Every structure is written in C-alpha cells, then in structure tokens.
C-alpha cells in the first residue's frame, strides 16, 4: 500500500475528486490502495492504473488537468511538478486513482 505525503492543496484536490492522477518521482510502489496524508488528514483511494516513464511521457495535453487541476496549460502542470521535485527528468509514476467503494474501505 503506497503511502504519500501531500501538500494541503493536492490533498484537497484528491478529496474533492478534481485530481484523479497523482504523479510521483520514482518507480511504482505496489498496492491497490494509495494512502495520502496531509498533516493529520488521511485519504485512501483505489489505484486503478499506473504509468511509468519520463515526465513528458506520462504528463500530456490530454491528462494534465487531472494531474494539476489549477493548470491551464501543459507547461503549467510540468512547472508545478518541477517545483515539487526540483527536476523533470528521470523516472516518474502516474497513479490513476478513484474513490473506494464502501465494501473496499
């Protein structure tokens, strides 16, 4: 079960369903449930798919809004992630997430 720390803004996007793809630096972590934590707040989401590759391969014009909801252009989303990780090269993983069903909680 991947456990991720999230900025307050990112956590809110995930909780509100505005963000359905979470991009993290590195190879994928195993597990069907991703846990996001922001301060004392914890959110569990189902991982329905992962993509691994260069940031420019997994962050595209057709999905950047699901990664960074405040981005109006692809380069805005890349800049946001660059601000978090300090790099935009190397291996990144996109976790496609959705709310858990009641029976999965």
Foldseek 3Di string as FASTA:
>chain_A
DAEEEDEPVQVVCVVVVQAQKEKDADDDDDDQWYWYDYPPDIAIWGFPDKDKDFQDVVQDQVCLCNHPVVDPGSVVSQVVVCVVVVDRGHMMMITGTDHDDPVVD
